[in-house]
Amino acid sequence: MPLFKRRTAGKPGEWFYCLEHKKVEEGPDCPGKDRMGPYASREEATHAMELARERNVEWENDPRWHDAPTGEDGREG
């Protein structure tokens, strides 16, 4: 007996962006590895790739996520 049941149908109002088909879907039609979401609206899901690009730029420029040394002798602190 499995511990978790695989959800085969989405809930109304859940929106996803399918990376394989490059389209917005209501409910998870495609496998989880191929989709982003859930989003609260179709409009939000439409902009999923833009949002991901913006978040990637923020992450790449966030000094908290880099292992670069901060002290002159190469040690942190």
PDB file of N, CA and C in Angstrom:
ATOM      1  N   MET A   1       0.843  -1.182   0.000  1.00  0.00           N
ATOM      2  CA  MET A   1       0.000   0.000   0.000  1.00  0.00           C
ATOM      3  C   MET A   1       0.887   1.244   0.000  1.00  0.00           C
ATOM      4  N   PRO A   2       0.757   2.115  -0.995  1.00  0.00           N
ATOM      5  CA  PRO A   2       1.611   3.300  -1.065  1.00  0.00           C
ATOM      6  C   PRO A   2       1.261   4.304   0.027  1.00  0.00           C
ATOM      7  N   LEU A   3       2.291   5.015   0.461  1.00  0.00           N
ATOM      8  CA  LEU A   3       2.081   6.045   1.476  1.00  0.00           C
ATOM      9  C   LEU A   3       1.401   7.276   0.898  1.00  0.00           C
ATOM     10  N   PHE A   4       1.701   7.577  -0.336  1.00  0.00           N
ATOM     11  CA  PHE A   4       1.142   8.757  -0.969  1.00  0.00           C
ATOM     12  C   PHE A   4       0.407   8.340  -2.237  1.00  0.00           C
ATOM     13  N   LYS A   5      -0.754   8.905  -2.433  1.00  0.00           N
ATOM     14  CA  LYS A   5      -1.503   8.626  -3.657  1.00  0.00           C
ATOM     15  C   LYS A   5      -1.061   9.616  -4.725  1.00  0.00           C
ATOM     16  N   ARG A   6      -0.850   9.124  -5.913  1.00  0.00           N
ATOM     17  CA  ARG A   6      -0.477   9.985  -7.034  1.00  0.00           C
ATOM     18  C   ARG A   6      -1.708  10.742  -7.489  1.00  0.00           C
ATOM     19  N   ARG A   7      -1.586  12.050  -7.529  1.00  0.00           N
ATOM     20  CA  ARG A   7      -2.696  12.890  -7.947  1.00  0.00           C
ATOM     21  C   ARG A   7      -2.722  12.935  -9.463  1.00  0.00           C
ATOM     22  N   THR A   8      -3.808  12.488 -10.041  1.00  0.00           N
ATOM     23  CA  THR A   8      -3.882  12.419 -11.493  1.00  0.00           C
ATOM     24  C   THR A   8      -4.643  13.592 -12.090  1.00  0.00           C
ATOM     25  N   ALA A   9      -5.509  14.217 -11.334  1.00  0.00           N
ATOM     26  CA  ALA A   9      -6.283  15.341 -11.858  1.00  0.00           C
ATOM     27  C   ALA A   9      -6.023  16.572 -11.012  1.00  0.00           C
ATOM     28  N   GLY A  10      -5.990  17.694 -11.666  1.00  0.00           N
ATOM     29  CA  GLY A  10      -5.760  18.950 -10.958  1.00  0.00           C
ATOM     30  C   GLY A  10      -7.030  19.493 -10.357  1.00  0.00           C
ATOM     31  N   LYS A  11      -6.846  20.445  -9.495  1.00  0.00           N
ATOM     32  CA  LYS A  11      -7.989  21.124  -8.908  1.00  0.00           C
ATOM     33  C   LYS A  11      -8.373  22.297  -9.804  1.00  0.00           C
ATOM     34  N   PRO A  12      -9.643  22.578  -9.937  1.00  0.00           N
ATOM     35  CA  PRO A  12     -10.035  23.753 -10.704  1.00  0.00           C
ATOM     36  C   PRO A  12      -9.385  24.999 -10.102  1.00  0.00           C
ATOM     37  N   GLY A  13      -8.856  25.836 -10.951  1.00  0.00           N
ATOM     38  CA  GLY A  13      -8.222  27.058 -10.478  1.00  0.00           C
ATOM     39  C   GLY A  13      -6.725  26.946 -10.277  1.00  0.00           C
ATOM     40  N   GLU A  14      -6.159  25.741 -10.394  1.00  0.00           N
ATOM     41  CA  GLU A  14      -4.707  25.579 -10.338  1.00  0.00           C
ATOM     42  C   GLU A  14      -4.171  25.665 -11.761  1.00  0.00           C
ATOM     43  N   TRP A  15      -3.226  26.552 -11.962  1.00  0.00           N
ATOM     44  CA  TRP A  15      -2.668  26.757 -13.290  1.00  0.00           C
ATOM     45  C   TRP A  15      -1.192  26.412 -13.286  1.00  0.00           C
ATOM     46  N   PHE A  16      -0.734  25.802 -14.361  1.00  0.00           N
ATOM     47  CA  PHE A  16       0.653  25.376 -14.500  1.00  0.00           C
ATOM     48  C   PHE A  16       1.180  25.831 -15.856  1.00  0.00           C
ATOM     49  N   TYR A  17       2.507  25.911 -15.965  1.00  0.00           N
ATOM     50  CA  TYR A  17       3.142  26.167 -17.251  1.00  0.00           C
ATOM     51  C   TYR A  17       3.928  24.919 -17.607  1.00  0.00           C
ATOM     52  N   CYS A  18       3.609  24.312 -18.745  1.00  0.00           N
ATOM     53  CA  CYS A  18       4.291  23.105 -19.200  1.00  0.00           C
ATOM     54  C   CYS A  18       5.538  23.496 -19.974  1.00  0.00           C
ATOM     55  N   LEU A  19       6.694  23.048 -19.497  1.00  0.00           N
ATOM     56  CA  LEU A  19       7.974  23.366 -20.131  1.00  0.00           C
ATOM     57  C   LEU A  19       8.169  22.602 -21.434  1.00  0.00           C
ATOM     58  N   GLU A  20       7.580  21.433 -21.537  1.00  0.00           N
ATOM     59  CA  GLU A  20       7.737  20.629 -22.745  1.00  0.00           C
ATOM     60  C   GLU A  20       6.880  21.157 -23.894  1.00  0.00           C
ATOM     61  N   HIS A  21       5.632  21.483 -23.588  1.00  0.00           N
ATOM     62  CA  HIS A  21       4.709  21.935 -24.624  1.00  0.00           C
ATOM     63  C   HIS A  21       4.653  23.447 -24.765  1.00  0.00           C
ATOM     64  N   LYS A  22       5.302  24.163 -23.835  1.00  0.00           N
ATOM     65  CA  LYS A  22       5.338  25.641 -23.856  1.00  0.00           C
ATOM     66  C   LYS A  22       3.937  26.235 -23.856  1.00  0.00           C
ATOM     67  N   LYS A  23       3.108  25.721 -22.916  1.00  0.00           N
ATOM     68  CA  LYS A  23       1.740  26.227 -22.842  1.00  0.00           C
ATOM     69  C   LYS A  23       1.230  26.183 -21.410  1.00  0.00           C
ATOM     70  N   VAL A  24       0.195  26.955 -21.174  1.00  0.00           N
ATOM     71  CA  VAL A  24      -0.462  27.027 -19.866  1.00  0.00           C
ATOM     72  C   VAL A  24      -1.521  25.938 -19.797  1.00  0.00           C
ATOM     73  N   GLU A  25      -1.594  25.273 -18.627  1.00  0.00           N
ATOM     74  CA  GLU A  25      -2.569  24.204 -18.429  1.00  0.00           C
ATOM     75  C   GLU A  25      -3.323  24.435 -17.123  1.00  0.00           C
ATOM     76  N   GLU A  26      -4.593  24.116 -17.117  1.00  0.00           N
ATOM     77  CA  GLU A  26      -5.339  24.129 -15.861  1.00  0.00           C
ATOM     78  C   GLU A  26      -5.290  22.723 -15.305  1.00  0.00           C
ATOM     79  N   GLY A  27      -4.743  22.605 -14.110  1.00  0.00           N
ATOM     80  CA  GLY A  27      -4.545  21.283 -13.524  1.00  0.00           C
ATOM     81  C   GLY A  27      -3.285  20.659 -14.087  1.00  0.00           C
ATOM     82  N   PRO A  28      -2.667  19.747 -13.359  1.00  0.00           N
ATOM     83  CA  PRO A  28      -1.419  19.161 -13.843  1.00  0.00           C
ATOM     84  C   PRO A  28      -1.660  18.087 -14.902  1.00  0.00           C
ATOM     85  N   ASP A  29      -1.673  18.485 -16.154  1.00  0.00           N
ATOM     86  CA  ASP A  29      -1.833  17.524 -17.245  1.00  0.00           C
ATOM     87  C   ASP A  29      -0.538  16.781 -17.538  1.00  0.00           C
ATOM     88  N   CYS A  30       0.588  17.470 -17.404  1.00  0.00           N
ATOM     89  CA  CYS A  30       1.888  16.887 -17.711  1.00  0.00           C
ATOM     90  C   CYS A  30       2.612  16.505 -16.416  1.00  0.00           C
ATOM     91  N   PRO A  31       3.631  15.650 -16.498  1.00  0.00           N
ATOM     92  CA  PRO A  31       4.377  15.232 -15.308  1.00  0.00           C
ATOM     93  C   PRO A  31       5.032  16.424 -14.600  1.00  0.00           C
ATOM     94  N   GLY A  32       5.231  16.289 -13.313  1.00  0.00           N
ATOM     95  CA  GLY A  32       5.807  17.348 -12.496  1.00  0.00           C
ATOM     96  C   GLY A  32       7.163  17.823 -12.983  1.00  0.00           C
ATOM     97  N   LYS A  33       7.962  16.941 -13.558  1.00  0.00           N
ATOM     98  CA  LYS A  33       9.295  17.321 -14.033  1.00  0.00           C
ATOM     99  C   LYS A  33       9.217  18.273 -15.223  1.00  0.00           C
ATOM    100  N   ASP A  34       8.060  18.360 -15.856  1.00  0.00           N
ATOM    101  CA  ASP A  34       7.904  19.186 -17.050  1.00  0.00           C
ATOM    102  C   ASP A  34       7.067  20.438 -16.818  1.00  0.00           C
ATOM    103  N   ARG A  35       6.747  20.755 -15.576  1.00  0.00           N
ATOM    104  CA  ARG A  35       5.859  21.900 -15.372  1.00  0.00           C
ATOM    105  C   ARG A  35       6.321  22.795 -14.220  1.00  0.00           C
ATOM    106  N   MET A  36       5.863  24.023 -14.264  1.00  0.00           N
ATOM    107  CA  MET A  36       6.094  24.989 -13.202  1.00  0.00           C
ATOM    108  C   MET A  36       4.731  25.369 -12.641  1.00  0.00           C
ATOM    109  N   GLY A  37       4.662  25.559 -11.337  1.00  0.00           N
ATOM    110  CA  GLY A  37       3.395  25.956 -10.732  1.00  0.00           C
ATOM    111  C   GLY A  37       3.123  25.156  -9.485  1.00  0.00           C
ATOM    112  N   PRO A  38       1.975  25.280  -8.893  1.00  0.00           N
ATOM    113  CA  PRO A  38       0.777  25.927  -9.417  1.00  0.00           C
ATOM    114  C   PRO A  38       0.812  27.448  -9.232  1.00  0.00           C
ATOM    115  N   TYR A  39       0.084  28.103 -10.099  1.00  0.00           N
ATOM    116  CA  TYR A  39      -0.113  29.543 -10.047  1.00  0.00           C
ATOM    117  C   TYR A  39      -1.583  29.800  -9.764  1.00  0.00           C
ATOM    118  N   ALA A  40      -1.873  30.970  -9.207  1.00  0.00           N
ATOM    119  CA  ALA A  40      -3.244  31.297  -8.810  1.00  0.00           C
ATOM    120  C   ALA A  40      -4.140  31.639 -10.001  1.00  0.00           C
ATOM    121  N   SER A  41      -3.533  32.046 -11.119  1.00  0.00           N
ATOM    122  CA  SER A  41      -4.352  32.430 -12.271  1.00  0.00           C
ATOM    123  C   SER A  41      -3.656  32.039 -13.571  1.00  0.00           C
ATOM    124  N   ARG A  42      -4.432  32.030 -14.626  1.00  0.00           N
ATOM    125  CA  ARG A  42      -3.891  31.754 -15.959  1.00  0.00           C
ATOM    126  C   ARG A  42      -2.856  32.819 -16.320  1.00  0.00           C
ATOM    127  N   GLU A  43      -3.133  34.066 -15.975  1.00  0.00           N
ATOM    128  CA  GLU A  43      -2.224  35.173 -16.272  1.00  0.00           C
ATOM    129  C   GLU A  43      -0.857  34.963 -15.613  1.00  0.00           C
ATOM    130  N   GLU A  44      -0.850  34.562 -14.347  1.00  0.00           N
ATOM    131  CA  GLU A  44       0.428  34.297 -13.658  1.00  0.00           C
ATOM    132  C   GLU A  44       1.189  33.169 -14.341  1.00  0.00           C
ATOM    133  N   ALA A  45       0.497  32.107 -14.712  1.00  0.00           N
ATOM    134  CA  ALA A  45       1.149  30.974 -15.359  1.00  0.00           C
ATOM    135  C   ALA A  45       1.707  31.366 -16.726  1.00  0.00           C
ATOM    136  N   THR A  46       1.033  32.287 -17.406  1.00  0.00           N
ATOM    137  CA  THR A  46       1.501  32.765 -18.701  1.00  0.00           C
ATOM    138  C   THR A  46       2.879  33.419 -18.578  1.00  0.00           C
ATOM    139  N   HIS A  47       3.145  34.048 -17.449  1.00  0.00           N
ATOM    140  CA  HIS A  47       4.410  34.765 -17.232  1.00  0.00           C
ATOM    141  C   HIS A  47       5.411  33.952 -16.415  1.00  0.00           C
ATOM    142  N   ALA A  48       5.235  32.642 -16.356  1.00  0.00           N
ATOM    143  CA  ALA A  48       6.100  31.785 -15.532  1.00  0.00           C
ATOM    144  C   ALA A  48       7.568  31.884 -15.927  1.00  0.00           C
ATOM    145  N   MET A  49       7.860  31.879 -17.216  1.00  0.00           N
ATOM    146  CA  MET A  49       9.256  31.924 -17.659  1.00  0.00           C
ATOM    147  C   MET A  49       9.889  33.285 -17.360  1.00  0.00           C
ATOM    148  N   GLU A  50       9.135  34.356 -17.502  1.00  0.00           N
ATOM    149  CA  GLU A  50       9.648  35.691 -17.169  1.00  0.00           C
ATOM    150  C   GLU A  50       9.972  35.768 -15.684  1.00  0.00           C
ATOM    151  N   LEU A  51       9.066  35.266 -14.862  1.00  0.00           N
ATOM    152  CA  LEU A  51       9.278  35.275 -13.418  1.00  0.00           C
ATOM    153  C   LEU A  51      10.507  34.449 -13.042  1.00  0.00           C
ATOM    154  N   ALA A  52      10.675  33.307 -13.682  1.00  0.00           N
ATOM    155  CA  ALA A  52      11.845  32.462 -13.406  1.00  0.00           C
ATOM    156  C   ALA A  52      13.136  33.183 -13.790  1.00  0.00           C
ATOM    157  N   ARG A  53      13.140  33.869 -14.942  1.00  0.00           N
ATOM    158  CA  ARG A  53      14.336  34.636 -15.356  1.00  0.00           C
ATOM    159  C   ARG A  53      14.654  35.730 -14.348  1.00  0.00           C
ATOM    160  N   GLU A  54      13.625  36.453 -13.892  1.00  0.00           N
ATOM    161  CA  GLU A  54      13.836  37.523 -12.908  1.00  0.00           C
ATOM    162  C   GLU A  54      14.403  36.958 -11.607  1.00  0.00           C
ATOM    163  N   ARG A  55      13.859  35.854 -11.155  1.00  0.00           N
ATOM    164  CA  ARG A  55      14.343  35.238  -9.911  1.00  0.00           C
ATOM    165  C   ARG A  55      15.770  34.728 -10.068  1.00  0.00           C
ATOM    166  N   ASN A  56      16.109  34.191 -11.239  1.00  0.00           N
ATOM    167  CA  ASN A  56      17.478  33.729 -11.473  1.00  0.00           C
ATOM    168  C   ASN A  56      18.466  34.885 -11.412  1.00  0.00           C
ATOM    169  N   VAL A  57      18.117  36.031 -11.991  1.00  0.00           N
ATOM    170  CA  VAL A  57      18.992  37.202 -11.951  1.00  0.00           C
ATOM    171  C   VAL A  57      19.168  37.673 -10.510  1.00  0.00           C
ATOM    172  N   GLU A  58      18.080  37.713  -9.760  1.00  0.00           N
ATOM    173  CA  GLU A  58      18.162  38.104  -8.347  1.00  0.00           C
ATOM    174  C   GLU A  58      19.076  37.155  -7.578  1.00  0.00           C
ATOM    175  N   TRP A  59      18.924  35.863  -7.811  1.00  0.00           N
ATOM    176  CA  TRP A  59      19.742  34.863  -7.114  1.00  0.00           C
ATOM    177  C   TRP A  59      21.207  35.001  -7.494  1.00  0.00           C
ATOM    178  N   GLU A  60      21.485  35.184  -8.776  1.00  0.00           N
ATOM    179  CA  GLU A  60      22.867  35.303  -9.232  1.00  0.00           C
ATOM    180  C   GLU A  60      23.567  36.530  -8.659  1.00  0.00           C
ATOM    181  N   ASN A  61      22.801  37.563  -8.326  1.00  0.00           N
ATOM    182  CA  ASN A  61      23.379  38.802  -7.805  1.00  0.00           C
ATOM    183  C   ASN A  61      23.241  38.935  -6.290  1.00  0.00           C
ATOM    184  N   ASP A  62      22.739  37.928  -5.627  1.00  0.00           N
ATOM    185  CA  ASP A  62      22.555  37.970  -4.175  1.00  0.00           C
ATOM    186  C   ASP A  62      23.838  37.495  -3.491  1.00  0.00           C
ATOM    187  N   PRO A  63      24.510  38.376  -2.769  1.00  0.00           N
ATOM    188  CA  PRO A  63      25.783  37.991  -2.145  1.00  0.00           C
ATOM    189  C   PRO A  63      25.642  36.885  -1.090  1.00  0.00           C
ATOM    190  N   ARG A  64      24.455  36.681  -0.555  1.00  0.00           N
ATOM    191  CA  ARG A  64      24.256  35.629   0.446  1.00  0.00           C
ATOM    192  C   ARG A  64      24.400  34.235  -0.152  1.00  0.00           C
ATOM    193  N   TRP A  65      24.317  34.111  -1.489  1.00  0.00           N
ATOM    194  CA  TRP A  65      24.346  32.811  -2.133  1.00  0.00           C
ATOM    195  C   TRP A  65      25.670  32.505  -2.817  1.00  0.00           C
ATOM    196  N   HIS A  66      26.679  33.316  -2.576  1.00  0.00           N
ATOM    197  CA  HIS A  66      27.977  33.091  -3.204  1.00  0.00           C
ATOM    198  C   HIS A  66      29.001  32.702  -2.156  1.00  0.00           C
ATOM    199  N   ASP A  67      29.928  31.857  -2.531  1.00  0.00           N
ATOM    200  CA  ASP A  67      30.958  31.375  -1.610  1.00  0.00           C
ATOM    201  C   ASP A  67      32.248  32.179  -1.708  1.00  0.00           C
ATOM    202  N   ALA A  68      32.194  33.353  -2.313  1.00  0.00           N
ATOM    203  CA  ALA A  68      33.390  34.167  -2.466  1.00  0.00           C
ATOM    204  C   ALA A  68      33.879  34.625  -1.090  1.00  0.00           C
ATOM    205  N   PRO A  69      35.174  34.620  -0.873  1.00  0.00           N
ATOM    206  CA  PRO A  69      35.711  35.083   0.409  1.00  0.00           C
ATOM    207  C   PRO A  69      35.439  36.569   0.604  1.00  0.00           C
ATOM    208  N   THR A  70      35.215  36.944   1.852  1.00  0.00           N
ATOM    209  CA  THR A  70      34.895  38.335   2.149  1.00  0.00           C
ATOM    210  C   THR A  70      36.049  39.073   2.818  1.00  0.00           C
ATOM    211  N   GLY A  71      36.999  38.348   3.386  1.00  0.00           N
ATOM    212  CA  GLY A  71      38.140  38.989   4.051  1.00  0.00           C
ATOM    213  C   GLY A  71      39.345  39.074   3.142  1.00  0.00           C
ATOM    214  N   GLU A  72      40.316  39.924   3.517  1.00  0.00           N
ATOM    215  CA  GLU A  72      41.521  40.089   2.694  1.00  0.00           C
ATOM    216  C   GLU A  72      42.386  38.838   2.671  1.00  0.00           C
ATOM    217  N   ASP A  73      42.377  38.050   3.760  1.00  0.00           N
ATOM    218  CA  ASP A  73      43.209  36.864   3.817  1.00  0.00           C
ATOM    219  C   ASP A  73      42.516  35.631   3.210  1.00  0.00           C
ATOM    220  N   GLY A  74      41.338  35.834   2.601  1.00  0.00           N
ATOM    221  CA  GLY A  74      40.642  34.725   1.956  1.00  0.00           C
ATOM    222  C   GLY A  74      39.660  34.009   2.855  1.00  0.00           C
ATOM    223  N   ARG A  75      39.601  34.400   4.116  1.00  0.00           N
ATOM    224  CA  ARG A  75      38.632  33.774   5.039  1.00  0.00           C
ATOM    225  C   ARG A  75      37.429  34.674   5.195  1.00  0.00           C
ATOM    226  N   GLU A  76      36.308  34.022   5.495  1.00  0.00           N
ATOM    227  CA  GLU A  76      35.107  34.800   5.724  1.00  0.00           C
ATOM    228  C   GLU A  76      35.184  35.475   7.083  1.00  0.00           C
ATOM    229  N   GLY A  77      34.473  36.593   7.151  1.00  0.00           N
ATOM    230  CA  GLY A  77      34.305  37.265   8.436  1.00  0.00           C
ATOM    231  C   GLY A  77      35.306  38.193   8.773  1.00  0.00           C
TER     232      GLY A  77
END
